[in-house]
């Protein structure tokens, strides 16, 4: 099971074979945000409070395209199966 803070590897898409840490999970849509992976450009309009511009931010990736690479979790799963 993928949880916030665990290290994962991307299996498909433009960021294939990259590794990163899970920042956020959307359980209802089975998607996760990974730090510095699947970056998209966000155009923000200037307001009284904020300066506008083009910002890069992470976008969600479907959980089926991720693989867990955190050794501690893998070892626990193997021990529990025995």
N, C-alpha and C. Protein backbone atom coordinates (compact mmCIF):
# COMPACT_ATOMS: atom_id res chain seq x y z
N UNK A 1 0.84 -1.18 0.00
CA UNK A 1 0.00 0.00 0.00
C UNK A 1 0.89 1.25 0.00
N UNK A 2 0.55 2.19 -0.83
CA UNK A 2 1.31 3.43 -0.94
C UNK A 2 0.77 4.45 0.06
N UNK A 3 1.68 5.02 0.85
CA UNK A 3 1.30 6.00 1.86
C UNK A 3 2.16 7.25 1.72
N UNK A 4 1.71 8.33 2.33
CA UNK A 4 2.44 9.59 2.31
C UNK A 4 3.81 9.41 2.97
N UNK A 5 4.84 9.96 2.33
CA UNK A 5 6.19 9.89 2.88
C UNK A 5 7.03 8.73 2.39
N UNK A 6 6.42 7.75 1.71
CA UNK A 6 7.17 6.60 1.20
C UNK A 6 7.83 6.93 -0.13
N UNK A 7 8.89 6.19 -0.46
CA UNK A 7 9.62 6.39 -1.71
C UNK A 7 9.04 5.44 -2.76
N UNK A 8 8.77 5.99 -3.96
CA UNK A 8 8.18 5.19 -5.04
C UNK A 8 8.95 5.43 -6.34
N UNK A 9 8.73 4.53 -7.30
CA UNK A 9 9.33 4.64 -8.63
C UNK A 9 8.20 4.69 -9.64
N UNK A 10 8.34 5.57 -10.65
CA UNK A 10 7.31 5.72 -11.68
C UNK A 10 7.54 4.66 -12.75
N UNK A 11 6.48 3.93 -13.11
CA UNK A 11 6.58 2.82 -14.06
C UNK A 11 6.27 3.21 -15.50
N UNK A 12 5.47 4.26 -15.71
CA UNK A 12 5.12 4.64 -17.07
C UNK A 12 4.92 6.15 -17.17
N UNK A 13 4.92 6.64 -18.40
CA UNK A 13 4.75 8.07 -18.64
C UNK A 13 6.06 8.75 -18.95
N UNK A 14 6.02 10.07 -19.05
CA UNK A 14 7.23 10.82 -19.43
C UNK A 14 8.29 10.81 -18.34
N UNK A 15 7.89 10.53 -17.10
CA UNK A 15 8.84 10.48 -15.98
C UNK A 15 9.19 9.04 -15.59
N UNK A 16 9.15 8.13 -16.55
CA UNK A 16 9.43 6.71 -16.31
C UNK A 16 10.80 6.53 -15.66
N UNK A 17 10.89 5.61 -14.70
CA UNK A 17 12.11 5.23 -13.99
C UNK A 17 12.62 6.29 -13.02
N UNK A 18 11.90 7.37 -12.81
CA UNK A 18 12.30 8.37 -11.82
C UNK A 18 11.75 7.96 -10.46
N UNK A 19 12.47 8.38 -9.42
CA UNK A 19 12.06 8.04 -8.06
C UNK A 19 11.77 9.31 -7.28
N UNK A 20 10.85 9.22 -6.33
CA UNK A 20 10.53 10.38 -5.52
C UNK A 20 9.70 9.98 -4.31
N UNK A 21 9.42 10.97 -3.48
CA UNK A 21 8.68 10.76 -2.24
C UNK A 21 7.23 11.19 -2.44
N UNK A 22 6.30 10.42 -1.88
CA UNK A 22 4.88 10.73 -1.98
C UNK A 22 4.57 11.94 -1.10
N UNK A 23 3.97 12.97 -1.71
CA UNK A 23 3.61 14.19 -0.99
C UNK A 23 2.16 14.14 -0.52
N UNK A 24 1.28 13.67 -1.41
CA UNK A 24 -0.16 13.73 -1.15
C UNK A 24 -0.82 12.56 -1.85
N UNK A 25 -1.92 12.06 -1.27
CA UNK A 25 -2.67 10.94 -1.87
C UNK A 25 -4.14 11.31 -1.97
N UNK A 26 -4.74 11.00 -3.12
CA UNK A 26 -6.18 11.19 -3.34
C UNK A 26 -6.79 9.80 -3.45
N UNK A 27 -7.27 9.28 -2.33
CA UNK A 27 -7.78 7.90 -2.28
C UNK A 27 -9.03 7.71 -3.14
N UNK A 28 -9.88 8.72 -3.23
CA UNK A 28 -11.14 8.56 -3.98
C UNK A 28 -10.88 8.36 -5.47
N UNK A 29 -9.79 8.95 -5.99
CA UNK A 29 -9.46 8.81 -7.41
C UNK A 29 -8.25 7.91 -7.66
N UNK A 30 -7.71 7.28 -6.61
CA UNK A 30 -6.54 6.40 -6.71
C UNK A 30 -5.34 7.10 -7.36
N UNK A 31 -5.04 8.30 -6.88
CA UNK A 31 -3.93 9.07 -7.44
C UNK A 31 -3.03 9.59 -6.34
N UNK A 32 -1.76 9.85 -6.71
CA UNK A 32 -0.78 10.34 -5.74
C UNK A 32 0.08 11.43 -6.38
N UNK A 33 0.56 12.37 -5.55
CA UNK A 33 1.50 13.40 -5.98
C UNK A 33 2.88 13.00 -5.49
N UNK A 34 3.87 13.05 -6.38
CA UNK A 34 5.24 12.71 -6.06
C UNK A 34 6.10 13.96 -6.19
N UNK A 35 7.02 14.15 -5.25
CA UNK A 35 7.86 15.35 -5.24
C UNK A 35 8.74 15.43 -6.49
N UNK A 36 8.66 16.56 -7.20
CA UNK A 36 9.44 16.87 -8.41
C UNK A 36 9.20 15.91 -9.57
N UNK A 37 8.03 15.26 -9.62
CA UNK A 37 7.70 14.37 -10.72
C UNK A 37 6.34 14.77 -11.28
N UNK A 38 6.17 14.65 -12.60
CA UNK A 38 4.94 15.02 -13.31
C UNK A 38 4.65 16.51 -13.11
N UNK A 39 5.67 17.33 -13.35
CA UNK A 39 5.54 18.78 -13.18
C UNK A 39 4.72 19.38 -14.33
N UNK A 40 3.80 20.28 -13.98
CA UNK A 40 2.98 20.98 -14.96
C UNK A 40 3.10 22.47 -14.72
N UNK A 41 2.82 23.27 -15.76
CA UNK A 41 2.86 24.72 -15.66
C UNK A 41 1.46 25.22 -15.28
N UNK A 42 1.41 26.10 -14.29
CA UNK A 42 0.16 26.68 -13.82
C UNK A 42 0.21 28.18 -14.06
N UNK A 43 -0.70 28.71 -14.87
CA UNK A 43 -0.76 30.14 -15.13
C UNK A 43 -1.66 30.78 -14.08
N UNK A 44 -1.10 31.74 -13.33
CA UNK A 44 -1.82 32.38 -12.24
C UNK A 44 -2.00 33.86 -12.56
N UNK A 45 -3.24 34.32 -12.43
CA UNK A 45 -3.54 35.72 -12.69
C UNK A 45 -3.16 36.58 -11.48
N UNK A 46 -2.69 37.79 -11.73
CA UNK A 46 -2.30 38.70 -10.66
C UNK A 46 -3.54 39.19 -9.91
N UNK A 47 -3.45 39.20 -8.58
CA UNK A 47 -4.52 39.74 -7.74
C UNK A 47 -3.91 40.76 -6.78
N UNK A 48 -4.74 41.34 -5.93
CA UNK A 48 -4.23 42.30 -4.95
C UNK A 48 -3.27 41.65 -3.97
N UNK A 49 -3.55 40.40 -3.60
CA UNK A 49 -2.73 39.69 -2.62
C UNK A 49 -1.51 39.00 -3.22
N UNK A 50 -1.67 38.45 -4.42
CA UNK A 50 -0.61 37.61 -5.00
C UNK A 50 -0.12 38.16 -6.33
N UNK A 51 1.15 37.94 -6.59
CA UNK A 51 1.72 38.27 -7.89
C UNK A 51 1.46 37.11 -8.84
N UNK A 52 1.09 37.42 -10.05
CA UNK A 52 0.79 36.38 -11.04
C UNK A 52 2.04 35.88 -11.73
N UNK A 53 1.84 34.96 -12.65
CA UNK A 53 2.96 34.42 -13.42
C UNK A 53 2.71 32.97 -13.77
N UNK A 54 3.76 32.31 -14.24
CA UNK A 54 3.70 30.90 -14.59
C UNK A 54 4.50 30.13 -13.56
N UNK A 55 3.85 29.21 -12.87
CA UNK A 55 4.49 28.43 -11.82
C UNK A 55 4.47 26.95 -12.17
N UNK A 56 5.52 26.24 -11.78
CA UNK A 56 5.57 24.79 -11.95
C UNK A 56 5.11 24.13 -10.66
N UNK A 57 4.29 23.09 -10.79
CA UNK A 57 3.85 22.35 -9.61
C UNK A 57 3.62 20.90 -9.99
N UNK A 58 3.59 20.04 -8.97
CA UNK A 58 3.38 18.62 -9.22
C UNK A 58 1.91 18.34 -9.54
N UNK A 59 1.70 17.35 -10.39
CA UNK A 59 0.35 16.91 -10.70
C UNK A 59 0.19 15.46 -10.23
N UNK A 60 -1.04 15.00 -10.12
CA UNK A 60 -1.31 13.65 -9.64
C UNK A 60 -0.96 12.60 -10.70
N UNK A 61 -0.53 11.42 -10.23
CA UNK A 61 -0.24 10.26 -11.08
C UNK A 61 -1.09 9.10 -10.55
N UNK A 62 -1.61 8.28 -11.43
CA UNK A 62 -2.42 7.14 -10.99
C UNK A 62 -1.54 6.14 -10.24
N UNK A 63 -2.09 5.58 -9.18
CA UNK A 63 -1.32 4.68 -8.31
C UNK A 63 -0.84 3.43 -9.05
N UNK A 64 -1.56 3.01 -10.09
CA UNK A 64 -1.16 1.82 -10.85
C UNK A 64 0.16 2.06 -11.60
N UNK A 65 0.55 3.31 -11.78
CA UNK A 65 1.80 3.63 -12.47
C UNK A 65 2.96 3.81 -11.51
N UNK A 66 2.78 3.45 -10.24
CA UNK A 66 3.82 3.60 -9.23
C UNK A 66 4.20 2.26 -8.63
N UNK A 67 5.46 2.14 -8.23
CA UNK A 67 5.95 0.93 -7.57
C UNK A 67 6.68 1.34 -6.31
N UNK A 68 6.43 0.64 -5.22
CA UNK A 68 7.07 0.94 -3.94
C UNK A 68 8.52 0.51 -3.98
N UNK A 69 9.45 1.39 -3.56
CA UNK A 69 10.86 1.00 -3.51
C UNK A 69 11.44 1.17 -2.11
N UNK A 70 10.58 1.44 -1.14
CA UNK A 70 11.04 1.62 0.23
C UNK A 70 11.34 0.24 0.81
N UNK A 71 12.60 -0.02 1.15
CA UNK A 71 13.05 -1.35 1.59
C UNK A 71 12.38 -1.80 2.89
N UNK A 72 12.16 -0.88 3.82
CA UNK A 72 11.56 -1.25 5.11
C UNK A 72 10.18 -1.86 4.91
N UNK A 73 9.38 -1.26 4.04
CA UNK A 73 8.02 -1.75 3.80
C UNK A 73 8.07 -3.10 3.09
N UNK A 74 8.95 -3.26 2.11
CA UNK A 74 9.06 -4.53 1.38
C UNK A 74 9.46 -5.67 2.33
N UNK A 75 10.41 -5.40 3.24
CA UNK A 75 10.85 -6.42 4.18
C UNK A 75 9.72 -6.83 5.12
N UNK A 76 8.92 -5.88 5.56
CA UNK A 76 7.79 -6.19 6.45
C UNK A 76 6.77 -7.06 5.74
N UNK A 77 6.53 -6.78 4.44
CA UNK A 77 5.57 -7.58 3.68
C UNK A 77 6.06 -9.02 3.53
N UNK A 78 7.37 -9.20 3.25
CA UNK A 78 7.92 -10.54 3.10
C UNK A 78 7.85 -11.33 4.40
N UNK A 79 8.13 -10.65 5.52
CA UNK A 79 8.09 -11.32 6.83
C UNK A 79 6.67 -11.73 7.18
N UNK A 80 5.69 -10.90 6.86
CA UNK A 80 4.31 -11.21 7.22
C UNK A 80 3.75 -12.36 6.38
N UNK A 81 4.29 -12.60 5.17
CA UNK A 81 3.82 -13.69 4.33
C UNK A 81 4.33 -15.05 4.82
N UNK A 82 5.46 -15.06 5.53
CA UNK A 82 6.05 -16.33 5.98
C UNK A 82 5.28 -16.95 7.10
